[in-house]
Amino acid sequence: MNHEMSVPGTLKMINPQIYLHYNYTGKLDHRPSTGTSSGTLNTKTIVFLVICSFIALENLTVLIAIWKNHRFHNRMYFFIGNLALCDLLAGVAYLVNLDVAVDGNSAPSAGTWW
């Protein structure tokens, strides 16, 4: 399948297949290239960082409570612990994703993502 596309000047070094995958919605074409420097935090990013950090701490508290209290060592709390661990890992993955995007690596490249 051959897709004809024009890659903007700042993104010329990106593999065209990767660019096509990440630009499926067309949002990379309308990304501001001037006036914003990489590494800046806007209000929305700060709010998401605070919320994700809070979620990670809550889930870590649940896991520690289940681990320390022997009354919580039954099947129901084992299931709750698994849910808390999955939510904790998802929150940490999202925090890392935000951190990578804020550091200016949001332009997709094979070396960055794989």
C-alpha atoms as a PDB file:
ATOM      1  CA  MET A   1       0.000   0.000   0.000  1.00  0.00           C
ATOM      2  CA  ASN A   2       1.619   3.217  -1.135  1.00  0.00           C
ATOM      3  CA  HIS A   3       0.475   6.395   0.562  1.00  0.00           C
ATOM      4  CA  GLU A   4       1.492   9.684  -1.000  1.00  0.00           C
ATOM      5  CA  MET A   5       2.058  12.333   1.637  1.00  0.00           C
ATOM      6  CA  SER A   6       4.098  15.408   2.247  1.00  0.00           C
ATOM      7  CA  VAL A   7       6.193  15.347   5.367  1.00  0.00           C
ATOM      8  CA  PRO A   8       6.770  18.809   6.891  1.00  0.00           C
ATOM      9  CA  GLY A   9      10.348  20.134   6.844  1.00  0.00           C
ATOM     10  CA  THR A  10      10.988  19.605  10.555  1.00  0.00           C
ATOM     11  CA  LEU A  11       9.909  15.975  10.318  1.00  0.00           C
ATOM     12  CA  LYS A  12      11.854  14.951   7.171  1.00  0.00           C
ATOM     13  CA  MET A  13      14.044  12.498   9.079  1.00  0.00           C
ATOM     14  CA  ILE A  14      11.086  10.357  10.162  1.00  0.00           C
ATOM     15  CA  ASN A  15      10.306   7.078   8.461  1.00  0.00           C
ATOM     16  CA  PRO A  16       7.223   7.737   6.246  1.00  0.00           C
ATOM     17  CA  GLN A  17       5.385   4.666   7.585  1.00  0.00           C
ATOM     18  CA  ILE A  18       5.839   5.794  11.189  1.00  0.00           C
ATOM     19  CA  TYR A  19       4.784   9.329  10.267  1.00  0.00           C
ATOM     20  CA  LEU A  20       1.679   7.977   8.517  1.00  0.00           C
ATOM     21  CA  HIS A  21       0.795   5.862  11.572  1.00  0.00           C
ATOM     22  CA  TYR A  22       1.118   8.678  14.108  1.00  0.00           C
ATOM     23  CA  ASN A  23      -0.401  11.299  11.812  1.00  0.00           C
ATOM     24  CA  TYR A  24      -3.524   9.271  10.998  1.00  0.00           C
ATOM     25  CA  THR A  25      -5.737  12.030  12.434  1.00  0.00           C
ATOM     26  CA  GLY A  26      -3.713  14.819  10.816  1.00  0.00           C
ATOM     27  CA  LYS A  27      -2.741  16.430  14.116  1.00  0.00           C
ATOM     28  CA  LEU A  28       0.995  16.454  13.364  1.00  0.00           C
ATOM     29  CA  ASP A  29       0.412  18.713  10.372  1.00  0.00           C
ATOM     30  CA  HIS A  30      -1.105  21.456  12.545  1.00  0.00           C
ATOM     31  CA  ARG A  31       1.412  21.311  15.395  1.00  0.00           C
ATOM     32  CA  PRO A  32       2.870  24.754  16.194  1.00  0.00           C
ATOM     33  CA  SER A  33       6.555  24.928  15.312  1.00  0.00           C
ATOM     34  CA  THR A  34       7.308  28.428  16.609  1.00  0.00           C
ATOM     35  CA  GLY A  35       6.516  30.073  19.894  1.00  0.00           C
ATOM     36  CA  THR A  36       6.690  26.859  21.881  1.00  0.00           C
ATOM     37  CA  SER A  37       9.922  25.377  23.060  1.00  0.00           C
ATOM     38  CA  SER A  38      10.339  21.740  23.913  1.00  0.00           C
ATOM     39  CA  GLY A  39      10.290  21.021  27.612  1.00  0.00           C
ATOM     40  CA  THR A  40       7.698  23.620  28.561  1.00  0.00           C
ATOM     41  CA  LEU A  41       4.821  22.576  30.767  1.00  0.00           C
ATOM     42  CA  ASN A  42       1.400  23.995  30.121  1.00  0.00           C
ATOM     43  CA  THR A  43      -1.418  23.958  32.649  1.00  0.00           C
ATOM     44  CA  LYS A  44      -3.082  20.902  31.138  1.00  0.00           C
ATOM     45  CA  THR A  45       0.120  18.846  31.394  1.00  0.00           C
ATOM     46  CA  ILE A  46       0.670  19.888  35.003  1.00  0.00           C
ATOM     47  CA  VAL A  47      -2.895  18.906  35.920  1.00  0.00           C
ATOM     48  CA  PHE A  48      -2.460  15.494  34.282  1.00  0.00           C
ATOM     49  CA  LEU A  49       0.883  14.976  36.036  1.00  0.00           C
ATOM     50  CA  VAL A  50      -0.664  15.777  39.424  1.00  0.00           C
ATOM     51  CA  ILE A  51      -3.688  13.522  38.802  1.00  0.00           C
ATOM     52  CA  CYS A  52      -1.554  10.608  37.580  1.00  0.00           C
ATOM     53  CA  SER A  53       0.815  10.983  40.526  1.00  0.00           C
ATOM     54  CA  PHE A  54      -2.134  10.995  42.918  1.00  0.00           C
ATOM     55  CA  ILE A  55      -3.613   7.869  41.269  1.00  0.00           C
ATOM     56  CA  ALA A  56      -0.264   6.082  41.482  1.00  0.00           C
ATOM     57  CA  LEU A  57       0.079   6.952  45.191  1.00  0.00           C
ATOM     58  CA  GLU A  58      -3.484   5.794  45.925  1.00  0.00           C
ATOM     59  CA  ASN A  59      -2.898   2.447  44.257  1.00  0.00           C
ATOM     60  CA  LEU A  60       0.434   2.017  46.003  1.00  0.00           C
ATOM     61  CA  THR A  61      -1.341   2.668  49.324  1.00  0.00           C
ATOM     62  CA  VAL A  62      -3.927  -0.025  48.524  1.00  0.00           C
ATOM     63  CA  LEU A  63      -1.187  -2.533  47.650  1.00  0.00           C
ATOM     64  CA  ILE A  64       0.763  -1.785  50.835  1.00  0.00           C
ATOM     65  CA  ALA A  65      -2.386  -2.074  52.961  1.00  0.00           C
ATOM     66  CA  ILE A  66      -3.221  -5.467  51.452  1.00  0.00           C
ATOM     67  CA  TRP A  67       0.356  -6.674  51.859  1.00  0.00           C
ATOM     68  CA  LYS A  68       0.745  -5.535  55.503  1.00  0.00           C
ATOM     69  CA  ASN A  69      -2.675  -6.520  56.903  1.00  0.00           C
ATOM     70  CA  HIS A  70      -3.082 -10.296  57.148  1.00  0.00           C
ATOM     71  CA  ARG A  71      -6.880 -10.011  57.289  1.00  0.00           C
ATOM     72  CA  PHE A  72      -6.749  -8.885  53.668  1.00  0.00           C
ATOM     73  CA  HIS A  73      -5.087 -12.096  52.455  1.00  0.00           C
ATOM     74  CA  ASN A  74      -8.103 -13.703  50.815  1.00  0.00           C
ATOM     75  CA  ARG A  75      -9.449 -13.989  47.280  1.00  0.00           C
ATOM     76  CA  MET A  76     -11.444 -10.784  47.208  1.00  0.00           C
ATOM     77  CA  TYR A  77      -8.514  -8.622  48.309  1.00  0.00           C
ATOM     78  CA  PHE A  78      -6.205 -10.515  45.958  1.00  0.00           C
ATOM     79  CA  PHE A  79      -8.468  -9.391  43.110  1.00  0.00           C
ATOM     80  CA  ILE A  80      -8.556  -5.806  44.440  1.00  0.00           C
ATOM     81  CA  GLY A  81      -4.765  -5.886  44.683  1.00  0.00           C
ATOM     82  CA  ASN A  82      -4.474  -7.030  41.071  1.00  0.00           C
ATOM     83  CA  LEU A  83      -6.748  -4.189  39.950  1.00  0.00           C
ATOM     84  CA  ALA A  84      -4.709  -1.696  41.974  1.00  0.00           C
ATOM     85  CA  LEU A  85      -1.474  -3.010  40.470  1.00  0.00           C
ATOM     86  CA  CYS A  86      -2.845  -2.748  36.919  1.00  0.00           C
ATOM     87  CA  ASP A  87      -4.078   0.784  37.568  1.00  0.00           C
ATOM     88  CA  LEU A  88      -0.736   1.696  39.142  1.00  0.00           C
ATOM     89  CA  LEU A  89       1.190   0.433  36.107  1.00  0.00           C
ATOM     90  CA  ALA A  90      -1.160   2.229  33.697  1.00  0.00           C
ATOM     91  CA  GLY A  91      -0.730   5.477  35.633  1.00  0.00           C
ATOM     92  CA  VAL A  92       3.056   5.129  35.646  1.00  0.00           C
ATOM     93  CA  ALA A  93       3.053   4.374  31.903  1.00  0.00           C
ATOM     94  CA  TYR A  94       0.986   7.504  31.271  1.00  0.00           C
ATOM     95  CA  LEU A  95       3.341   9.574  33.434  1.00  0.00           C
ATOM     96  CA  VAL A  96       6.289   8.306  31.414  1.00  0.00           C
ATOM     97  CA  ASN A  97       4.406   9.080  28.198  1.00  0.00           C
ATOM     98  CA  LEU A  98       3.774  12.648  29.382  1.00  0.00           C
ATOM     99  CA  ASP A  99       7.406  12.997  30.408  1.00  0.00           C
ATOM    100  CA  VAL A 100       8.641  11.813  27.015  1.00  0.00           C
ATOM    101  CA  ALA A 101       6.246  14.155  25.194  1.00  0.00           C
ATOM    102  CA  VAL A 102       7.240  17.140  27.354  1.00  0.00           C
ATOM    103  CA  ASP A 103      10.956  16.531  26.792  1.00  0.00           C
ATOM    104  CA  GLY A 104      10.469  17.161  23.084  1.00  0.00           C
ATOM    105  CA  ASN A 105      10.544  13.564  21.913  1.00  0.00           C
ATOM    106  CA  SER A 106       6.944  13.630  20.797  1.00  0.00           C
ATOM    107  CA  ALA A 107       8.009  13.445  17.163  1.00  0.00           C
ATOM    108  CA  PRO A 108       7.685   9.717  16.434  1.00  0.00           C
ATOM    109  CA  SER A 109      10.817   7.855  15.469  1.00  0.00           C
ATOM    110  CA  ALA A 110      11.735   4.204  15.519  1.00  0.00           C
ATOM    111  CA  GLY A 111      14.545   4.771  18.016  1.00  0.00           C
ATOM    112  CA  THR A 112      12.291   6.608  20.446  1.00  0.00           C
ATOM    113  CA  TRP A 113       9.323   4.264  20.456  1.00  0.00           C
ATOM    114  CA  TRP A 114      10.870   0.846  19.851  1.00  0.00           C
END
